[in-house]
Each structure stands twice: as C-alpha cells, then as structure tokens.
C-alpha cells in the first residue's frame, strides 16, 4: 500500500491547537529560532493559539513559513500530458468513481484531471468529510496576525516551487493518486490519530507514524530530504538577516522535524543549540493500517 497522502498532511501545510504542540528553540550566535511543528488541517476549536506562541510572534523579527500562498502573481501550471483515466486500470477507475460518489464529487472531472490534481482534490474533500478544514491552519492564522502587526512574513519556498514539486512527480503524480485510492477506506482512523498526536505533542507517536508511513525513495527525497537541507542552509545563512541576528518564529510540517535528516538535526550539526520547549503527552490512540 502506498501511504503517501497522510504524510503530505504533515509535510507541506500547517495547523495548530490549544494543546501542547511540538515546539523547539534553536540558537546560534545572535540567531534565535522558535520552531513549531504542524499538520495542515484542523477544526474551529484550535484557536486561539497558546500565549507562548503568540508572545514569541509579537516580539519576533519575522514569521517564517513554508510558502506564502497569497503570492499567486505569475504562477503557472504545466500543460496536462497525462490524465487520471490514462494511468488507472478499469478497476481503479471504478474505485475512484465510488469515492467520488461518496464524497459528492464529479467523477468525470476527476478522471479528466491530472493525477496529482485528482489526488489532492480527493484528499481535501475527504479531510472535510472527516470534519477537518485546511482553512483552520496556523500558517494562515499567524500570517494574518503578523501582517496586521507589521511583522515580516518570510517564505522558505515560493508557491511556484511547491506547484512544480507536485506537478513534476513521475507520471504526473500517479503514485499520489494510487495512494489516495488505496488508502481511502483506511484513512479515517489514521487521520484522527495523527491529529490527536499533533495536539498532544506526542513526539514518540509522531516518530512511529513517520516510520510506519511508506514512501518511495524518490518521493521522500523530493518532499523531505532535499527540502530539509535547503531550509537548514537558509536558516544558517538567512537572506532575511544579512548580519545573522534576530528572533524568528518558524512553522513547518511536523515530519520535517523528526526522522533522518530532519531540520532540527541538521541545525544541530551546523552548530545550533536545539532545545525542546514543549512537553509531550500520550496521544492515546493507535495508527491502524
């Protein structure tokens, strides 16, 4: 089974909660980063954020996020060379039609969209079906708070980079689409447990999730390893602070902060002192496959 879409929740987008989210401090010289691990979906009970996080934002020199989705000018998408119907067997097409019927989606439209677009559309609709919304994301919330307080918002990546990353996958994202179909009947408990794990700041459970989740080597390299290395380099020699000083709040997907070659480990290897500020609590749930 290709378990790719669930880790995508923790890889690219972010959210937050009144509970004890994973939170670290990384310092080197006059550079001081507060780093918040996150996933990208939540519910309306997750706000306001903790005073600790908001106080850091208010006194920071900038908010660092993965990408500022408001910056859409000049964004382009590649022409569709493969459609979902081109990469799916008749059986898989029938399974997709069944999913579309359950989620009240347009099956012909899904079949005639690129595989990556169909996969993400199904995932986001399923997330809503389970009671979560991408709109309740900490990136959007903190970006708004930073903007009204005239605090700079700093992107580690452009929106175009993330679009190119998704659209540039092999066979236009066939692997993502197959994952969406194969995981569909098993995603509910996994998603609920992932959210509980994040709310509890249960780092052991998050590490368990990272180890259980299967990714192809190509996917992991593109979505995790290469991005982690790039981010760590930016943090060590920030373009936003030529003098290498200042205090910043950073929010990135939780899976970038655990496992091999994670951002925190890379910062430590680069001479940063990394301290976990949050206190992990048991999530009291199990990941079932």
C-alpha atoms as a PDB file:
ATOM      1  CA  UNK A   1       0.000   0.000   0.000  1.00  0.00           C
ATOM      2  CA  UNK A   2       1.335   3.466  -0.903  1.00  0.00           C
ATOM      3  CA  UNK A   3       0.740   5.570   2.193  1.00  0.00           C
ATOM      4  CA  UNK A   4       1.622   8.979   0.762  1.00  0.00           C
ATOM      5  CA  UNK A   5      -1.280  11.358   1.251  1.00  0.00           C
ATOM      6  CA  UNK A   6      -1.353  11.223   5.043  1.00  0.00           C
ATOM      7  CA  UNK A   7       2.283  12.248   5.365  1.00  0.00           C
ATOM      8  CA  UNK A   8       1.533  15.012   2.878  1.00  0.00           C
ATOM      9  CA  UNK A   9      -0.715  16.488   5.582  1.00  0.00           C
ATOM     10  CA  UNK A  10       2.293  16.915   7.818  1.00  0.00           C
ATOM     11  CA  UNK A  11       4.790  17.741   5.093  1.00  0.00           C
ATOM     12  CA  UNK A  12       3.505  20.769   3.307  1.00  0.00           C
ATOM     13  CA  UNK A  13       0.794  22.516   5.273  1.00  0.00           C
ATOM     14  CA  UNK A  14       0.240  23.527   8.899  1.00  0.00           C
ATOM     15  CA  UNK A  15      -2.294  23.913  11.739  1.00  0.00           C
ATOM     16  CA  UNK A  16      -2.306  24.468  15.493  1.00  0.00           C
ATOM     17  CA  UNK A  17      -4.186  23.819  18.744  1.00  0.00           C
ATOM     18  CA  UNK A  18      -4.639  24.942  22.348  1.00  0.00           C
ATOM     19  CA  UNK A  19      -2.939  21.719  23.380  1.00  0.00           C
ATOM     20  CA  UNK A  20       0.834  21.326  23.644  1.00  0.00           C
ATOM     21  CA  UNK A  21       2.150  21.360  20.055  1.00  0.00           C
ATOM     22  CA  UNK A  22       5.758  20.356  19.436  1.00  0.00           C
ATOM     23  CA  UNK A  23       7.848  23.482  19.894  1.00  0.00           C
ATOM     24  CA  UNK A  24      11.608  23.961  19.865  1.00  0.00           C
ATOM     25  CA  UNK A  25      14.184  26.720  20.217  1.00  0.00           C
ATOM     26  CA  UNK A  26      17.321  26.733  18.050  1.00  0.00           C
ATOM     27  CA  UNK A  27      20.055  29.277  18.758  1.00  0.00           C
ATOM     28  CA  UNK A  28      23.470  30.049  17.309  1.00  0.00           C
ATOM     29  CA  UNK A  29      25.263  33.288  17.992  1.00  0.00           C
ATOM     30  CA  UNK A  30      22.712  36.061  17.634  1.00  0.00           C
ATOM     31  CA  UNK A  31      20.250  33.930  15.647  1.00  0.00           C
ATOM     32  CA  UNK A  32      17.279  32.652  17.640  1.00  0.00           C
ATOM     33  CA  UNK A  33      14.586  30.484  16.038  1.00  0.00           C
ATOM     34  CA  UNK A  34      11.403  29.204  17.684  1.00  0.00           C
ATOM     35  CA  UNK A  35      10.209  26.251  15.611  1.00  0.00           C
ATOM     36  CA  UNK A  36       6.648  24.927  15.650  1.00  0.00           C
ATOM     37  CA  UNK A  37       5.811  21.520  14.169  1.00  0.00           C
ATOM     38  CA  UNK A  38       2.461  21.249  12.458  1.00  0.00           C
ATOM     39  CA  UNK A  39      -0.022  19.500  10.192  1.00  0.00           C
ATOM     40  CA  UNK A  40      -2.317  21.261   7.753  1.00  0.00           C
ATOM     41  CA  UNK A  41      -5.872  20.530   8.869  1.00  0.00           C
ATOM     42  CA  UNK A  42      -7.855  21.258  11.991  1.00  0.00           C
ATOM     43  CA  UNK A  43     -11.152  22.434  13.421  1.00  0.00           C
ATOM     44  CA  UNK A  44     -12.526  25.619  14.935  1.00  0.00           C
ATOM     45  CA  UNK A  45     -11.600  24.504  18.469  1.00  0.00           C
ATOM     46  CA  UNK A  46      -7.907  25.059  17.826  1.00  0.00           C
ATOM     47  CA  UNK A  47      -7.861  28.811  18.372  1.00  0.00           C
ATOM     48  CA  UNK A  48      -6.685  30.986  19.982  1.00  0.00           C
ATOM     49  CA  UNK A  49      -3.142  29.670  19.938  1.00  0.00           C
ATOM     50  CA  UNK A  50      -1.170  29.411  23.172  1.00  0.00           C
ATOM     51  CA  UNK A  51       0.127  32.593  24.779  1.00  0.00           C
ATOM     52  CA  UNK A  52       3.663  31.264  24.460  1.00  0.00           C
ATOM     53  CA  UNK A  53       3.421  31.054  20.680  1.00  0.00           C
ATOM     54  CA  UNK A  54       1.664  34.400  20.317  1.00  0.00           C
ATOM     55  CA  UNK A  55       4.152  36.132  22.607  1.00  0.00           C
ATOM     56  CA  UNK A  56       7.023  34.805  20.507  1.00  0.00           C
ATOM     57  CA  UNK A  57       5.334  36.108  17.361  1.00  0.00           C
ATOM     58  CA  UNK A  58       4.677  39.553  18.843  1.00  0.00           C
ATOM     59  CA  UNK A  59       8.301  40.007  19.887  1.00  0.00           C
ATOM     60  CA  UNK A  60       9.853  38.379  16.800  1.00  0.00           C
ATOM     61  CA  UNK A  61      11.631  39.946  13.858  1.00  0.00           C
ATOM     62  CA  UNK A  62       9.643  37.813  11.440  1.00  0.00           C
ATOM     63  CA  UNK A  63       7.398  34.811  10.845  1.00  0.00           C
ATOM     64  CA  UNK A  64       8.995  32.059   8.753  1.00  0.00           C
ATOM     65  CA  UNK A  65       6.594  29.789   6.860  1.00  0.00           C
ATOM     66  CA  UNK A  66       6.982  27.243   4.085  1.00  0.00           C
ATOM     67  CA  UNK A  67       5.311  29.412   1.457  1.00  0.00           C
ATOM     68  CA  UNK A  68       3.089  32.466   1.340  1.00  0.00           C
ATOM     69  CA  UNK A  69       0.054  31.234  -0.598  1.00  0.00           C
ATOM     70  CA  UNK A  70      -1.116  34.819  -1.060  1.00  0.00           C
ATOM     71  CA  UNK A  71       1.657  35.417  -3.593  1.00  0.00           C
ATOM     72  CA  UNK A  72      -0.043  33.965  -6.665  1.00  0.00           C
ATOM     73  CA  UNK A  73       1.033  36.502  -9.273  1.00  0.00           C
ATOM     74  CA  UNK A  74       2.778  34.876 -12.201  1.00  0.00           C
ATOM     75  CA  UNK A  75       2.002  31.317 -11.068  1.00  0.00           C
ATOM     76  CA  UNK A  76       1.901  28.809 -13.910  1.00  0.00           C
ATOM     77  CA  UNK A  77       0.900  25.147 -14.216  1.00  0.00           C
ATOM     78  CA  UNK A  78       2.365  22.757 -16.776  1.00  0.00           C
ATOM     79  CA  UNK A  79       0.110  21.510 -19.568  1.00  0.00           C
ATOM     80  CA  UNK A  80      -1.655  18.255 -18.737  1.00  0.00           C
ATOM     81  CA  UNK A  81       0.176  15.476 -20.557  1.00  0.00           C
ATOM     82  CA  UNK A  82      -1.471  12.633 -18.621  1.00  0.00           C
ATOM     83  CA  UNK A  83      -4.975  12.426 -17.204  1.00  0.00           C
ATOM     84  CA  UNK A  84      -6.117  10.275 -14.314  1.00  0.00           C
ATOM     85  CA  UNK A  85      -8.019   7.980 -16.674  1.00  0.00           C
ATOM     86  CA  UNK A  86      -4.759   7.390 -18.560  1.00  0.00           C
ATOM     87  CA  UNK A  87      -2.902   5.959 -15.551  1.00  0.00           C
ATOM     88  CA  UNK A  88      -5.688   3.970 -13.860  1.00  0.00           C
ATOM     89  CA  UNK A  89      -6.892   0.467 -14.673  1.00  0.00           C
ATOM     90  CA  UNK A  90     -10.651  -0.007 -15.249  1.00  0.00           C
ATOM     91  CA  UNK A  91     -10.929  -1.391 -11.690  1.00  0.00           C
ATOM     92  CA  UNK A  92      -9.139   1.606 -10.229  1.00  0.00           C
ATOM     93  CA  UNK A  93     -11.346   3.948 -12.239  1.00  0.00           C
ATOM     94  CA  UNK A  94     -14.408   2.238 -10.760  1.00  0.00           C
ATOM     95  CA  UNK A  95     -12.950   2.639  -7.270  1.00  0.00           C
ATOM     96  CA  UNK A  96     -12.373   6.337  -7.929  1.00  0.00           C
ATOM     97  CA  UNK A  97     -15.948   6.706  -9.148  1.00  0.00           C
ATOM     98  CA  UNK A  98     -17.165   5.100  -5.907  1.00  0.00           C
ATOM     99  CA  UNK A  99     -15.088   7.532  -3.844  1.00  0.00           C
ATOM    100  CA  UNK A 100     -16.420  10.444  -5.899  1.00  0.00           C
ATOM    101  CA  UNK A 101     -19.989   9.283  -5.298  1.00  0.00           C
ATOM    102  CA  UNK A 102     -19.445   9.062  -1.518  1.00  0.00           C
ATOM    103  CA  UNK A 103     -17.789  12.476  -1.340  1.00  0.00           C
ATOM    104  CA  UNK A 104     -20.283  14.041  -3.788  1.00  0.00           C
ATOM    105  CA  UNK A 105     -17.570  14.878  -6.297  1.00  0.00           C
ATOM    106  CA  UNK A 106     -17.713  14.977 -10.093  1.00  0.00           C
ATOM    107  CA  UNK A 107     -16.222  11.649 -11.226  1.00  0.00           C
ATOM    108  CA  UNK A 108     -15.763  12.580 -14.923  1.00  0.00           C
ATOM    109  CA  UNK A 109     -13.967  15.746 -13.876  1.00  0.00           C
ATOM    110  CA  UNK A 110     -11.628  13.754 -11.622  1.00  0.00           C
ATOM    111  CA  UNK A 111     -10.892  11.237 -14.366  1.00  0.00           C
ATOM    112  CA  UNK A 112     -10.111  14.042 -16.781  1.00  0.00           C
ATOM    113  CA  UNK A 113      -7.776  15.899 -14.411  1.00  0.00           C
ATOM    114  CA  UNK A 114      -4.025  15.256 -13.972  1.00  0.00           C
ATOM    115  CA  UNK A 115      -3.330  12.511 -11.402  1.00  0.00           C
ATOM    116  CA  UNK A 116      -1.730  14.899  -8.898  1.00  0.00           C
ATOM    117  CA  UNK A 117      -4.730  17.248  -9.055  1.00  0.00           C
ATOM    118  CA  UNK A 118      -7.214  14.390  -8.634  1.00  0.00           C
ATOM    119  CA  UNK A 119      -5.261  13.009  -5.679  1.00  0.00           C
ATOM    120  CA  UNK A 120      -5.215  16.335  -3.838  1.00  0.00           C
ATOM    121  CA  UNK A 121      -8.857  17.056  -4.628  1.00  0.00           C
ATOM    122  CA  UNK A 122      -9.888  13.695  -3.158  1.00  0.00           C
ATOM    123  CA  UNK A 123      -7.688  14.184  -0.115  1.00  0.00           C
ATOM    124  CA  UNK A 124      -9.013  17.652   0.688  1.00  0.00           C
ATOM    125  CA  UNK A 125     -12.630  16.569   0.192  1.00  0.00           C
ATOM    126  CA  UNK A 126     -12.066  13.562   2.435  1.00  0.00           C
ATOM    127  CA  UNK A 127     -10.500  15.784   5.093  1.00  0.00           C
ATOM    128  CA  UNK A 128     -13.657  17.912   5.082  1.00  0.00           C
ATOM    129  CA  UNK A 129     -15.759  14.738   5.183  1.00  0.00           C
ATOM    130  CA  UNK A 130     -13.923  13.748   8.386  1.00  0.00           C
ATOM    131  CA  UNK A 131     -14.699  17.097   9.999  1.00  0.00           C
ATOM    132  CA  UNK A 132     -11.455  18.992   9.419  1.00  0.00           C
ATOM    133  CA  UNK A 133     -10.672  22.010   7.277  1.00  0.00           C
ATOM    134  CA  UNK A 134      -7.496  23.314   5.723  1.00  0.00           C
ATOM    135  CA  UNK A 135      -8.767  26.825   6.448  1.00  0.00           C
ATOM    136  CA  UNK A 136      -8.006  26.311  10.142  1.00  0.00           C
ATOM    137  CA  UNK A 137      -4.279  26.343   9.525  1.00  0.00           C
ATOM    138  CA  UNK A 138      -1.682  28.015  11.697  1.00  0.00           C
ATOM    139  CA  UNK A 139       0.147  29.389   8.649  1.00  0.00           C
ATOM    140  CA  UNK A 140      -2.892  31.387   7.594  1.00  0.00           C
ATOM    141  CA  UNK A 141      -3.713  32.390  11.174  1.00  0.00           C
ATOM    142  CA  UNK A 142      -0.200  33.515  12.070  1.00  0.00           C
ATOM    143  CA  UNK A 143       0.344  35.122   8.669  1.00  0.00           C
ATOM    144  CA  UNK A 144      -2.741  37.251   9.279  1.00  0.00           C
ATOM    145  CA  UNK A 145      -1.600  38.120  12.815  1.00  0.00           C
ATOM    146  CA  UNK A 146       1.878  39.007  11.572  1.00  0.00           C
ATOM    147  CA  UNK A 147       0.505  41.141   8.746  1.00  0.00           C
ATOM    148  CA  UNK A 148      -1.748  43.269  10.953  1.00  0.00           C
ATOM    149  CA  UNK A 149       1.157  43.769  13.365  1.00  0.00           C
ATOM    150  CA  UNK A 150       3.573  44.699  10.554  1.00  0.00           C
ATOM    151  CA  UNK A 151       5.756  41.679  11.287  1.00  0.00           C
ATOM    152  CA  UNK A 152       7.579  40.436   8.157  1.00  0.00           C
ATOM    153  CA  UNK A 153       6.371  37.130   6.691  1.00  0.00           C
ATOM    154  CA  UNK A 154       9.282  35.122   5.275  1.00  0.00           C
ATOM    155  CA  UNK A 155       8.830  32.203   2.846  1.00  0.00           C
ATOM    156  CA  UNK A 156      11.288  29.330   2.680  1.00  0.00           C
ATOM    157  CA  UNK A 157       9.873  28.366  -0.704  1.00  0.00           C
ATOM    158  CA  UNK A 158       7.853  30.047  -3.416  1.00  0.00           C
ATOM    159  CA  UNK A 159       4.366  28.856  -4.249  1.00  0.00           C
ATOM    160  CA  UNK A 160       5.652  28.091  -7.737  1.00  0.00           C
ATOM    161  CA  UNK A 161       8.267  25.759  -6.242  1.00  0.00           C
ATOM    162  CA  UNK A 162       5.596  23.768  -4.401  1.00  0.00           C
ATOM    163  CA  UNK A 163       3.416  23.572  -7.504  1.00  0.00           C
ATOM    164  CA  UNK A 164       6.381  22.385  -9.558  1.00  0.00           C
ATOM    165  CA  UNK A 165       7.177  19.816  -6.860  1.00  0.00           C
ATOM    166  CA  UNK A 166       3.688  18.331  -7.034  1.00  0.00           C
ATOM    167  CA  UNK A 167       3.229  18.510 -10.783  1.00  0.00           C
ATOM    168  CA  UNK A 168       6.721  17.247 -11.510  1.00  0.00           C
ATOM    169  CA  UNK A 169       6.228  13.822  -9.959  1.00  0.00           C
ATOM    170  CA  UNK A 170       6.614  10.725 -12.130  1.00  0.00           C
ATOM    171  CA  UNK A 171       3.671  10.143 -14.477  1.00  0.00           C
ATOM    172  CA  UNK A 172       2.098  13.407 -13.313  1.00  0.00           C
ATOM    173  CA  UNK A 173       1.641  12.089  -9.775  1.00  0.00           C
ATOM    174  CA  UNK A 174       0.341   8.594 -10.463  1.00  0.00           C
ATOM    175  CA  UNK A 175       1.833   7.409  -7.172  1.00  0.00           C
ATOM    176  CA  UNK A 176      -0.124  10.041  -5.244  1.00  0.00           C
ATOM    177  CA  UNK A 177      -3.359   9.096  -6.993  1.00  0.00           C
ATOM    178  CA  UNK A 178      -2.941   5.368  -6.364  1.00  0.00           C
ATOM    179  CA  UNK A 179      -2.244   6.207  -2.726  1.00  0.00           C
ATOM    180  CA  UNK A 180      -5.450   8.240  -2.500  1.00  0.00           C
ATOM    181  CA  UNK A 181      -7.495   5.335  -3.854  1.00  0.00           C
ATOM    182  CA  UNK A 182      -5.794   2.549  -1.906  1.00  0.00           C
ATOM    183  CA  UNK A 183      -5.754   4.431   1.395  1.00  0.00           C
ATOM    184  CA  UNK A 184      -9.281   5.751   1.233  1.00  0.00           C
ATOM    185  CA  UNK A 185     -11.018   3.062   3.296  1.00  0.00           C
ATOM    186  CA  UNK A 186      -8.270   3.118   5.956  1.00  0.00           C
ATOM    187  CA  UNK A 187      -7.612   6.836   6.287  1.00  0.00           C
ATOM    188  CA  UNK A 188     -10.216   7.857   8.845  1.00  0.00           C
ATOM    189  CA  UNK A 189      -8.616   6.396  11.985  1.00  0.00           C
ATOM    190  CA  UNK A 190      -5.134   7.250  10.733  1.00  0.00           C
ATOM    191  CA  UNK A 191      -6.113  10.877  10.219  1.00  0.00           C
ATOM    192  CA  UNK A 192      -7.855  11.197  13.584  1.00  0.00           C
ATOM    193  CA  UNK A 193      -4.854   9.659  15.353  1.00  0.00           C
ATOM    194  CA  UNK A 194      -2.442  11.929  13.501  1.00  0.00           C
ATOM    195  CA  UNK A 195      -4.392  14.999  14.617  1.00  0.00           C
ATOM    196  CA  UNK A 196      -4.531  13.704  18.217  1.00  0.00           C
ATOM    197  CA  UNK A 197      -0.810  13.014  18.089  1.00  0.00           C
ATOM    198  CA  UNK A 198      -0.119  16.555  16.972  1.00  0.00           C
ATOM    199  CA  UNK A 199      -2.446  18.095  19.546  1.00  0.00           C
ATOM    200  CA  UNK A 200      -0.733  16.139  22.326  1.00  0.00           C
ATOM    201  CA  UNK A 201       2.732  16.933  21.048  1.00  0.00           C
ATOM    202  CA  UNK A 202       3.435  13.207  21.274  1.00  0.00           C
ATOM    203  CA  UNK A 203       6.853  13.032  19.634  1.00  0.00           C
ATOM    204  CA  UNK A 204       7.195   9.271  20.133  1.00  0.00           C
ATOM    205  CA  UNK A 205       3.893   8.667  18.367  1.00  0.00           C
ATOM    206  CA  UNK A 206       4.861  11.062  15.587  1.00  0.00           C
ATOM    207  CA  UNK A 207       8.132   9.193  15.117  1.00  0.00           C
ATOM    208  CA  UNK A 208       6.106   5.967  14.987  1.00  0.00           C
ATOM    209  CA  UNK A 209       3.920   7.472  12.276  1.00  0.00           C
ATOM    210  CA  UNK A 210       6.976   8.549  10.294  1.00  0.00           C
ATOM    211  CA  UNK A 211       8.448   5.029  10.468  1.00  0.00           C
ATOM    212  CA  UNK A 212       5.181   3.287   9.613  1.00  0.00           C
ATOM    213  CA  UNK A 213       4.434   5.525   6.674  1.00  0.00           C
ATOM    214  CA  UNK A 214       5.767   4.162   3.424  1.00  0.00           C
ATOM    215  CA  UNK A 215       7.182   6.491   0.813  1.00  0.00           C
ATOM    216  CA  UNK A 216       9.079   5.744  -2.328  1.00  0.00           C
ATOM    217  CA  UNK A 217      12.715   6.823  -2.217  1.00  0.00           C
ATOM    218  CA  UNK A 218      12.036   9.362  -4.960  1.00  0.00           C
ATOM    219  CA  UNK A 219       9.090  10.858  -3.059  1.00  0.00           C
ATOM    220  CA  UNK A 220      10.966  11.060   0.256  1.00  0.00           C
ATOM    221  CA  UNK A 221      13.996  12.658  -1.364  1.00  0.00           C
ATOM    222  CA  UNK A 222      11.931  15.299  -3.139  1.00  0.00           C
ATOM    223  CA  UNK A 223       9.422  16.107  -0.403  1.00  0.00           C
ATOM    224  CA  UNK A 224      11.604  15.686   2.686  1.00  0.00           C
ATOM    225  CA  UNK A 225      15.358  15.316   2.373  1.00  0.00           C
ATOM    226  CA  UNK A 226      16.152  17.943  -0.253  1.00  0.00           C
ATOM    227  CA  UNK A 227      13.805  20.493   1.275  1.00  0.00           C
ATOM    228  CA  UNK A 228      15.170  19.922   4.788  1.00  0.00           C
ATOM    229  CA  UNK A 229      18.715  20.501   3.543  1.00  0.00           C
ATOM    230  CA  UNK A 230      17.665  23.648   1.712  1.00  0.00           C
ATOM    231  CA  UNK A 231      15.820  25.045   4.720  1.00  0.00           C
ATOM    232  CA  UNK A 232      18.676  24.327   7.123  1.00  0.00           C
ATOM    233  CA  UNK A 233      21.053  26.165   4.795  1.00  0.00           C
ATOM    234  CA  UNK A 234      18.704  29.151   4.629  1.00  0.00           C
ATOM    235  CA  UNK A 235      18.339  29.228   8.417  1.00  0.00           C
ATOM    236  CA  UNK A 236      22.101  29.106   8.935  1.00  0.00           C
ATOM    237  CA  UNK A 237      22.774  31.899   6.415  1.00  0.00           C
ATOM    238  CA  UNK A 238      19.477  33.807   6.266  1.00  0.00           C
ATOM    239  CA  UNK A 239      18.879  36.155   3.365  1.00  0.00           C
ATOM    240  CA  UNK A 240      16.387  37.937   5.624  1.00  0.00           C
ATOM    241  CA  UNK A 241      19.163  38.836   8.114  1.00  0.00           C
ATOM    242  CA  UNK A 242      22.482  39.631   6.493  1.00  0.00           C
ATOM    243  CA  UNK A 243      24.017  40.206   9.931  1.00  0.00           C
ATOM    244  CA  UNK A 244      22.852  36.763  11.116  1.00  0.00           C
ATOM    245  CA  UNK A 245      20.910  38.016  14.098  1.00  0.00           C
ATOM    246  CA  UNK A 246      17.328  38.257  15.269  1.00  0.00           C
ATOM    247  CA  UNK A 247      14.482  36.225  16.740  1.00  0.00           C
ATOM    248  CA  UNK A 248      12.060  34.446  14.424  1.00  0.00           C
ATOM    249  CA  UNK A 249       9.026  32.157  14.750  1.00  0.00           C
ATOM    250  CA  UNK A 250       9.052  29.330  12.197  1.00  0.00           C
ATOM    251  CA  UNK A 251       6.200  26.964  11.306  1.00  0.00           C
ATOM    252  CA  UNK A 252       6.823  23.870   9.148  1.00  0.00           C
ATOM    253  CA  UNK A 253       5.255  20.447   8.729  1.00  0.00           C
ATOM    254  CA  UNK A 254       5.962  18.110  11.641  1.00  0.00           C
ATOM    255  CA  UNK A 255       7.555  15.382   9.526  1.00  0.00           C
ATOM    256  CA  UNK A 256      10.319  17.823   8.651  1.00  0.00           C
ATOM    257  CA  UNK A 257      11.256  17.824  12.350  1.00  0.00           C
ATOM    258  CA  UNK A 258      11.505  14.076  13.043  1.00  0.00           C
ATOM    259  CA  UNK A 259      13.264  11.113  11.440  1.00  0.00           C
ATOM    260  CA  UNK A 260      16.518  11.029   9.489  1.00  0.00           C
ATOM    261  CA  UNK A 261      17.989  14.273   8.190  1.00  0.00           C
ATOM    262  CA  UNK A 262      15.297  16.375   9.854  1.00  0.00           C
ATOM    263  CA  UNK A 263      15.702  20.150  10.076  1.00  0.00           C
ATOM    264  CA  UNK A 264      16.469  20.140  13.811  1.00  0.00           C
ATOM    265  CA  UNK A 265      19.231  17.553  13.440  1.00  0.00           C
ATOM    266  CA  UNK A 266      20.699  19.448  10.504  1.00  0.00           C
ATOM    267  CA  UNK A 267      20.711  22.652  12.556  1.00  0.00           C
ATOM    268  CA  UNK A 268      22.453  20.859  15.423  1.00  0.00           C
ATOM    269  CA  UNK A 269      25.065  19.530  13.023  1.00  0.00           C
ATOM    270  CA  UNK A 270      25.544  23.124  11.869  1.00  0.00           C
ATOM    271  CA  UNK A 271      26.319  24.344  15.370  1.00  0.00           C
ATOM    272  CA  UNK A 272      22.876  25.360  16.623  1.00  0.00           C
ATOM    273  CA  UNK A 273      21.806  24.540  20.166  1.00  0.00           C
ATOM    274  CA  UNK A 274      18.359  22.926  19.899  1.00  0.00           C
ATOM    275  CA  UNK A 275      16.036  22.666  22.923  1.00  0.00           C
ATOM    276  CA  UNK A 276      12.514  21.233  23.027  1.00  0.00           C
ATOM    277  CA  UNK A 277      10.250  23.688  24.845  1.00  0.00           C
ATOM    278  CA  UNK A 278       7.017  21.683  24.691  1.00  0.00           C
ATOM    279  CA  UNK A 279       6.125  18.755  26.926  1.00  0.00           C
ATOM    280  CA  UNK A 280       4.948  15.684  25.078  1.00  0.00           C
ATOM    281  CA  UNK A 281       1.827  13.883  26.288  1.00  0.00           C
ATOM    282  CA  UNK A 282       0.482  10.474  25.201  1.00  0.00           C
ATOM    283  CA  UNK A 283      -1.935  10.815  22.299  1.00  0.00           C
ATOM    284  CA  UNK A 284      -3.915   7.755  23.489  1.00  0.00           C
ATOM    285  CA  UNK A 285      -4.620   6.443  20.016  1.00  0.00           C
ATOM    286  CA  UNK A 286      -3.159   3.856  17.658  1.00  0.00           C
ATOM    287  CA  UNK A 287      -2.267   4.021  13.996  1.00  0.00           C
ATOM    288  CA  UNK A 288      -4.147   1.192  12.316  1.00  0.00           C
ATOM    289  CA  UNK A 289      -3.340   0.026   8.793  1.00  0.00           C
END
